[in-house]
PDB file of N, CA and C in Angstrom:
ATOM      1  N   UNK A   1      98.592 105.741  99.399  1.00  0.00           N
ATOM      2  CA  UNK A   1      99.266 107.035  98.830  1.00  0.00           C
ATOM      3  C   UNK A   1      98.641 108.179 100.517  1.00  0.00           C
ATOM      4  N   UNK A   2      99.922 108.845 100.697  1.00  0.00           N
ATOM      5  CA  UNK A   2      99.533 109.458 102.029  1.00  0.00           C
ATOM      6  C   UNK A   2      98.428 110.349 101.731  1.00  0.00           C
ATOM      7  N   UNK A   3      97.510 111.251 102.767  1.00  0.00           N
ATOM      8  CA  UNK A   3      97.008 112.742 102.195  1.00  0.00           C
ATOM      9  C   UNK A   3      97.817 113.521 102.136  1.00  0.00           C
ATOM     10  N   UNK A   4      97.093 114.554 101.496  1.00  0.00           N
ATOM     11  CA  UNK A   4      98.715 116.067 100.896  1.00  0.00           C
ATOM     12  C   UNK A   4      98.437 116.285 102.656  1.00  0.00           C
ATOM     13  N   UNK A   5      99.294 117.773 102.873  1.00  0.00           N
ATOM     14  CA  UNK A   5      99.486 118.452 104.226  1.00  0.00           C
ATOM     15  C   UNK A   5      99.452 119.252 103.796  1.00  0.00           C
ATOM     16  N   UNK A   6      99.180 120.369 104.498  1.00  0.00           N
ATOM     17  CA  UNK A   6      98.936 121.906 104.493  1.00  0.00           C
ATOM     18  C   UNK A   6     100.206 122.506 104.399  1.00  0.00           C
ATOM     19  N   UNK A   7     101.639 121.948 104.755  1.00  0.00           N
ATOM     20  CA  UNK A   7     102.603 122.626 105.186  1.00  0.00           C
ATOM     21  C   UNK A   7     103.329 122.729 103.855  1.00  0.00           C
ATOM     22  N   UNK A   8     102.527 122.019 103.101  1.00  0.00           N
ATOM     23  CA  UNK A   8     102.900 121.660 101.353  1.00  0.00           C
ATOM     24  C   UNK A   8     102.645 122.697 100.070  1.00  0.00           C
ATOM     25  N   UNK A   9     101.930 123.341 101.435  1.00  0.00           N
ATOM     26  CA  UNK A   9     101.432 125.471 100.591  1.00  0.00           C
ATOM     27  C   UNK A   9     102.314 126.119 101.053  1.00  0.00           C
ATOM     28  N   UNK A  10     102.674 126.226 101.329  1.00  0.00           N
ATOM     29  CA  UNK A  10     103.943 127.653 101.918  1.00  0.00           C
ATOM     30  C   UNK A  10     104.286 127.735 100.904  1.00  0.00           C
ATOM     31  N   UNK A  11     104.929 127.414  99.757  1.00  0.00           N
ATOM     32  CA  UNK A  11     105.365 128.425  98.324  1.00  0.00           C
ATOM     33  C   UNK A  11     104.442 128.762  98.045  1.00  0.00           C
ATOM     34  N   UNK A  12     102.782 128.356  97.942  1.00  0.00           N
ATOM     35  CA  UNK A  12     101.824 129.360  96.575  1.00  0.00           C
ATOM     36  C   UNK A  12     101.255 130.177  98.011  1.00  0.00           C
ATOM     37  N   UNK A  13     101.754 131.235  96.815  1.00  0.00           N
ATOM     38  CA  UNK A  13     101.782 132.816  97.663  1.00  0.00           C
ATOM     39  C   UNK A  13     100.740 133.936  97.055  1.00  0.00           C
ATOM     40  N   UNK A  14     100.189 133.183  96.574  1.00  0.00           N
ATOM     41  CA  UNK A  14      99.268 134.636  95.423  1.00  0.00           C
ATOM     42  C   UNK A  14      97.736 134.033  95.303  1.00  0.00           C
ATOM     43  N   UNK A  15      97.264 135.146  95.754  1.00  0.00           N
ATOM     44  CA  UNK A  15      95.740 134.306  94.920  1.00  0.00           C
ATOM     45  C   UNK A  15      95.441 134.097  94.102  1.00  0.00           C
ATOM     46  N   UNK A  16      95.583 134.236  93.074  1.00  0.00           N
ATOM     47  CA  UNK A  16      95.476 133.861  91.404  1.00  0.00           C
ATOM     48  C   UNK A  16      95.774 132.571  91.473  1.00  0.00           C
ATOM     49  N   UNK A  17      97.031 132.253  91.718  1.00  0.00           N
ATOM     50  CA  UNK A  17      97.665 131.060  92.381  1.00  0.00           C
ATOM     51  C   UNK A  17      96.890 129.647  92.593  1.00  0.00           C
ATOM     52  N   UNK A  18      96.007 130.510  93.660  1.00  0.00           N
ATOM     53  CA  UNK A  18      94.934 129.374  94.466  1.00  0.00           C
ATOM     54  C   UNK A  18      93.327 129.418  93.930  1.00  0.00           C
ATOM     55  N   UNK A  19      93.635 130.199  93.088  1.00  0.00           N
ATOM     56  CA  UNK A  19      91.771 129.911  92.315  1.00  0.00           C
ATOM     57  C   UNK A  19      92.435 129.448  91.434  1.00  0.00           C
ATOM     58  N   UNK A  20      93.508 129.394  90.573  1.00  0.00           N
ATOM     59  CA  UNK A  20      93.599 128.826  89.301  1.00  0.00           C
ATOM     60  C   UNK A  20      93.859 126.726  89.639  1.00  0.00           C
ATOM     61  N   UNK A  21      94.475 126.382  91.161  1.00  0.00           N
ATOM     62  CA  UNK A  21      94.770 125.430  91.746  1.00  0.00           C
ATOM     63  C   UNK A  21      93.595 124.794  91.977  1.00  0.00           C
ATOM     64  N   UNK A  22      92.269 125.389  92.573  1.00  0.00           N
ATOM     65  CA  UNK A  22      91.023 125.183  92.904  1.00  0.00           C
ATOM     66  C   UNK A  22      90.018 124.740  91.830  1.00  0.00           C
ATOM     67  N   UNK A  23      90.221 125.919  91.456  1.00  0.00           N
ATOM     68  CA  UNK A  23      89.589 125.106  89.555  1.00  0.00           C
ATOM     69  C   UNK A  23      89.691 124.200  89.040  1.00  0.00           C
ATOM     70  N   UNK A  24      91.340 123.552  88.931  1.00  0.00           N
ATOM     71  CA  UNK A  24      92.011 122.122  88.407  1.00  0.00           C
ATOM     72  C   UNK A  24      90.669 121.695  89.437  1.00  0.00           C
ATOM     73  N   UNK A  25      91.278 121.414  90.936  1.00  0.00           N
ATOM     74  CA  UNK A  25      90.981 120.106  91.501  1.00  0.00           C
ATOM     75  C   UNK A  25      89.212 120.109  91.348  1.00  0.00           C
ATOM     76  N   UNK A  26      88.620 121.133  91.440  1.00  0.00           N
ATOM     77  CA  UNK A  26      87.256 121.088  90.948  1.00  0.00           C
ATOM     78  C   UNK A  26      86.690 119.657  89.847  1.00  0.00           C
ATOM     79  N   UNK A  27      87.698 120.557  88.196  1.00  0.00           N
ATOM     80  CA  UNK A  27      87.388 120.055  87.865  1.00  0.00           C
ATOM     81  C   UNK A  27      87.975 118.461  87.457  1.00  0.00           C
ATOM     82  N   UNK A  28      89.029 118.071  88.726  1.00  0.00           N
ATOM     83  CA  UNK A  28      89.057 117.089  89.087  1.00  0.00           C
ATOM     84  C   UNK A  28      87.915 116.082  89.594  1.00  0.00           C
ATOM     85  N   UNK A  29      87.306 116.871  90.618  1.00  0.00           N
ATOM     86  CA  UNK A  29      86.734 116.187  90.812  1.00  0.00           C
ATOM     87  C   UNK A  29      84.878 115.736  90.478  1.00  0.00           C
ATOM     88  N   UNK A  30      85.024 116.364  90.063  1.00  0.00           N
ATOM     89  CA  UNK A  30      83.827 115.857  88.558  1.00  0.00           C
ATOM     90  C   UNK A  30      83.489 115.195  87.938  1.00  0.00           C
ATOM     91  N   UNK A  31      84.930 115.122  87.657  1.00  0.00           N
ATOM     92  CA  UNK A  31      85.862 113.877  86.204  1.00  0.00           C
ATOM     93  C   UNK A  31      85.676 112.797  87.126  1.00  0.00           C
ATOM     94  N   UNK A  32      85.709 112.967  88.771  1.00  0.00           N
ATOM     95  CA  UNK A  32      85.617 111.290  89.418  1.00  0.00           C
ATOM     96  C   UNK A  32      84.206 111.052  89.598  1.00  0.00           C
ATOM     97  N   UNK A  33      83.618 111.835  90.135  1.00  0.00           N
ATOM     98  CA  UNK A  33      81.861 111.917  90.117  1.00  0.00           C
ATOM     99  C   UNK A  33      81.180 111.119  88.756  1.00  0.00           C
ATOM    100  N   UNK A  34      81.643 111.721  87.961  1.00  0.00           N
ATOM    101  CA  UNK A  34      80.784 110.991  86.370  1.00  0.00           C
ATOM    102  C   UNK A  34      81.980 109.605  85.693  1.00  0.00           C
ATOM    103  N   UNK A  35      82.860 109.128  86.422  1.00  0.00           N
ATOM    104  CA  UNK A  35      83.845 108.031  86.222  1.00  0.00           C
ATOM    105  C   UNK A  35      82.448 107.062  87.366  1.00  0.00           C
ATOM    106  N   UNK A  36      82.612 107.555  88.440  1.00  0.00           N
ATOM    107  CA  UNK A  36      81.986 107.036  89.363  1.00  0.00           C
ATOM    108  C   UNK A  36      80.353 106.859  89.094  1.00  0.00           C
ATOM    109  N   UNK A  37      79.939 107.587  88.826  1.00  0.00           N
ATOM    110  CA  UNK A  37      78.323 107.199  88.074  1.00  0.00           C
ATOM    111  C   UNK A  37      77.896 106.576  86.909  1.00  0.00           C
ATOM    112  N   UNK A  38      79.165 106.771  85.874  1.00  0.00           N
ATOM    113  CA  UNK A  38      79.241 105.469  85.081  1.00  0.00           C
ATOM    114  C   UNK A  38      79.538 104.209  84.825  1.00  0.00           C
ATOM    115  N   UNK A  39      80.219 104.108  85.879  1.00  0.00           N
ATOM    116  CA  UNK A  39      81.095 103.096  86.774  1.00  0.00           C
ATOM    117  C   UNK A  39      82.015 102.143  86.225  1.00  0.00           C
ATOM    118  N   UNK A  40      82.536 103.418  85.541  1.00  0.00           N
ATOM    119  CA  UNK A  40      84.376 103.150  84.902  1.00  0.00           C
ATOM    120  C   UNK A  40      85.027 102.752  86.758  1.00  0.00           C
ATOM    121  N   UNK A  41      86.222 102.484  86.318  1.00  0.00           N
ATOM    122  CA  UNK A  41      86.984 101.972  87.712  1.00  0.00           C
ATOM    123  C   UNK A  41      87.814 103.179  87.793  1.00  0.00           C
ATOM    124  N   UNK A  42      87.339 103.290  89.142  1.00  0.00           N
ATOM    125  CA  UNK A  42      87.979 104.487  89.719  1.00  0.00           C
ATOM    126  C   UNK A  42      88.479 104.399  91.442  1.00  0.00           C
ATOM    127  N   UNK A  43      90.133 104.897  92.236  1.00  0.00           N
ATOM    128  CA  UNK A  43      89.679 104.779  93.342  1.00  0.00           C
ATOM    129  C   UNK A  43      89.228 105.892  94.431  1.00  0.00           C
ATOM    130  N   UNK A  44      88.477 104.985  95.365  1.00  0.00           N
ATOM    131  CA  UNK A  44      87.910 106.088  96.550  1.00  0.00           C
ATOM    132  C   UNK A  44      88.833 106.627  96.665  1.00  0.00           C
ATOM    133  N   UNK A  45      89.793 107.113  96.915  1.00  0.00           N
ATOM    134  CA  UNK A  45      90.533 107.616  98.111  1.00  0.00           C
ATOM    135  C   UNK A  45      90.716 109.236  97.520  1.00  0.00           C
ATOM    136  N   UNK A  46      90.835 109.222  95.868  1.00  0.00           N
ATOM    137  CA  UNK A  46      90.738 110.417  95.115  1.00  0.00           C
ATOM    138  C   UNK A  46      90.039 111.093  95.788  1.00  0.00           C
ATOM    139  N   UNK A  47      88.889 110.618  95.714  1.00  0.00           N
ATOM    140  CA  UNK A  47      87.487 111.446  96.690  1.00  0.00           C
ATOM    141  C   UNK A  47      88.078 112.703  97.574  1.00  0.00           C
ATOM    142  N   UNK A  48      88.366 111.716  99.012  1.00  0.00           N
ATOM    143  CA  UNK A  48      88.993 111.895  99.934  1.00  0.00           C
ATOM    144  C   UNK A  48      90.325 112.659 100.166  1.00  0.00           C
ATOM    145  N   UNK A  49      91.364 112.376  99.011  1.00  0.00           N
ATOM    146  CA  UNK A  49      92.310 113.905  98.691  1.00  0.00           C
ATOM    147  C   UNK A  49      92.220 115.043  97.952  1.00  0.00           C
ATOM    148  N   UNK A  50      91.494 114.814  96.964  1.00  0.00           N
ATOM    149  CA  UNK A  50      90.678 116.272  96.607  1.00  0.00           C
ATOM    150  C   UNK A  50      90.352 116.811  97.395  1.00  0.00           C
ATOM    151  N   UNK A  51      89.416 116.526  97.353  1.00  0.00           N
ATOM    152  CA  UNK A  51      88.534 116.668  98.400  1.00  0.00           C
ATOM    153  C   UNK A  51      89.340 117.931  99.672  1.00  0.00           C
ATOM    154  N   UNK A  52      90.373 117.253 100.501  1.00  0.00           N
ATOM    155  CA  UNK A  52      90.860 117.570 101.465  1.00  0.00           C
ATOM    156  C   UNK A  52      92.037 118.199 100.737  1.00  0.00           C
ATOM    157  N   UNK A  53      92.109 118.519  99.686  1.00  0.00           N
ATOM    158  CA  UNK A  53      93.010 119.574  99.357  1.00  0.00           C
ATOM    159  C   UNK A  53      92.504 120.557  98.524  1.00  0.00           C
ATOM    160  N   UNK A  54      91.634 120.795  98.600  1.00  0.00           N
ATOM    161  CA  UNK A  54      90.674 122.118  98.469  1.00  0.00           C
ATOM    162  C   UNK A  54      90.182 122.655  99.469  1.00  0.00           C
ATOM    163  N   UNK A  55      90.131 122.197 100.415  1.00  0.00           N
ATOM    164  CA  UNK A  55      89.463 122.692 101.441  1.00  0.00           C
ATOM    165  C   UNK A  55      90.580 123.207 102.404  1.00  0.00           C
ATOM    166  N   UNK A  56      91.634 122.376 101.729  1.00  0.00           N
ATOM    167  CA  UNK A  56      93.265 123.598 102.308  1.00  0.00           C
ATOM    168  C   UNK A  56      93.683 124.374 101.750  1.00  0.00           C
ATOM    169  N   UNK A  57      94.199 124.778 100.428  1.00  0.00           N
ATOM    170  CA  UNK A  57      93.631 125.916 100.206  1.00  0.00           C
ATOM    171  C   UNK A  57      92.714 126.743 100.151  1.00  0.00           C
ATOM    172  N   UNK A  58      91.642 126.207  99.952  1.00  0.00           N
ATOM    173  CA  UNK A  58      90.501 127.494 100.462  1.00  0.00           C
ATOM    174  C   UNK A  58      90.626 128.549 101.858  1.00  0.00           C
ATOM    175  N   UNK A  59      90.937 127.216 102.886  1.00  0.00           N
ATOM    176  CA  UNK A  59      91.652 127.742 104.429  1.00  0.00           C
ATOM    177  C   UNK A  59      93.183 129.091 103.895  1.00  0.00           C
ATOM    178  N   UNK A  60      94.122 128.344 103.181  1.00  0.00           N
ATOM    179  CA  UNK A  60      95.480 128.861 102.432  1.00  0.00           C
ATOM    180  C   UNK A  60      94.508 130.269 102.345  1.00  0.00           C
ATOM    181  N   UNK A  61      93.654 130.209 101.343  1.00  0.00           N
ATOM    182  CA  UNK A  61      93.380 131.860 100.494  1.00  0.00           C
ATOM    183  C   UNK A  61      92.904 132.545 101.479  1.00  0.00           C
ATOM    184  N   UNK A  62      91.847 132.407 102.517  1.00  0.00           N
ATOM    185  CA  UNK A  62      90.931 132.666 103.341  1.00  0.00           C
ATOM    186  C   UNK A  62      92.109 133.534 104.407  1.00  0.00           C
ATOM    187  N   UNK A  63      93.301 132.423 104.961  1.00  0.00           N
ATOM    188  CA  UNK A  63      94.527 133.615 105.633  1.00  0.00           C
ATOM    189  C   UNK A  63      94.970 134.923 104.702  1.00  0.00           C
ATOM    190  N   UNK A  64      95.536 134.197 103.695  1.00  0.00           N
ATOM    191  CA  UNK A  64      96.001 135.236 102.831  1.00  0.00           C
ATOM    192  C   UNK A  64      94.847 136.847 102.595  1.00  0.00           C
ATOM    193  N   UNK A  65      93.706 136.835 102.594  1.00  0.00           N
ATOM    194  CA  UNK A  65      93.034 137.686 102.349  1.00  0.00           C
ATOM    195  C   UNK A  65      92.741 138.309 103.596  1.00  0.00           C
ATOM    196  N   UNK A  66      93.050 137.673 104.944  1.00  0.00           N
ATOM    197  CA  UNK A  66      93.066 138.672 106.302  1.00  0.00           C
ATOM    198  C   UNK A  66      94.130 139.189 106.279  1.00  0.00           C
ATOM    199  N   UNK A  67      95.041 138.981 105.768  1.00  0.00           N
ATOM    200  CA  UNK A  67      96.764 139.914 106.133  1.00  0.00           C
ATOM    201  C   UNK A  67      97.175 140.758 104.932  1.00  0.00           C
TER     202      UNK A  67
END
């Protein structure tokens, strides 16, 4: 599984859509942490992918707010 690319975010142009996506990913990250703490089977690379996508969305949000 490859890391998410920033270029995939070109079609997202509204702040509400970005906020919604960040909310969904934050819930996903919370669920991953819960699964990790209860020793359920998880894939560690999903932490990296989810955190990276949240960071990319926050950057895109900052860019849109400045312009």
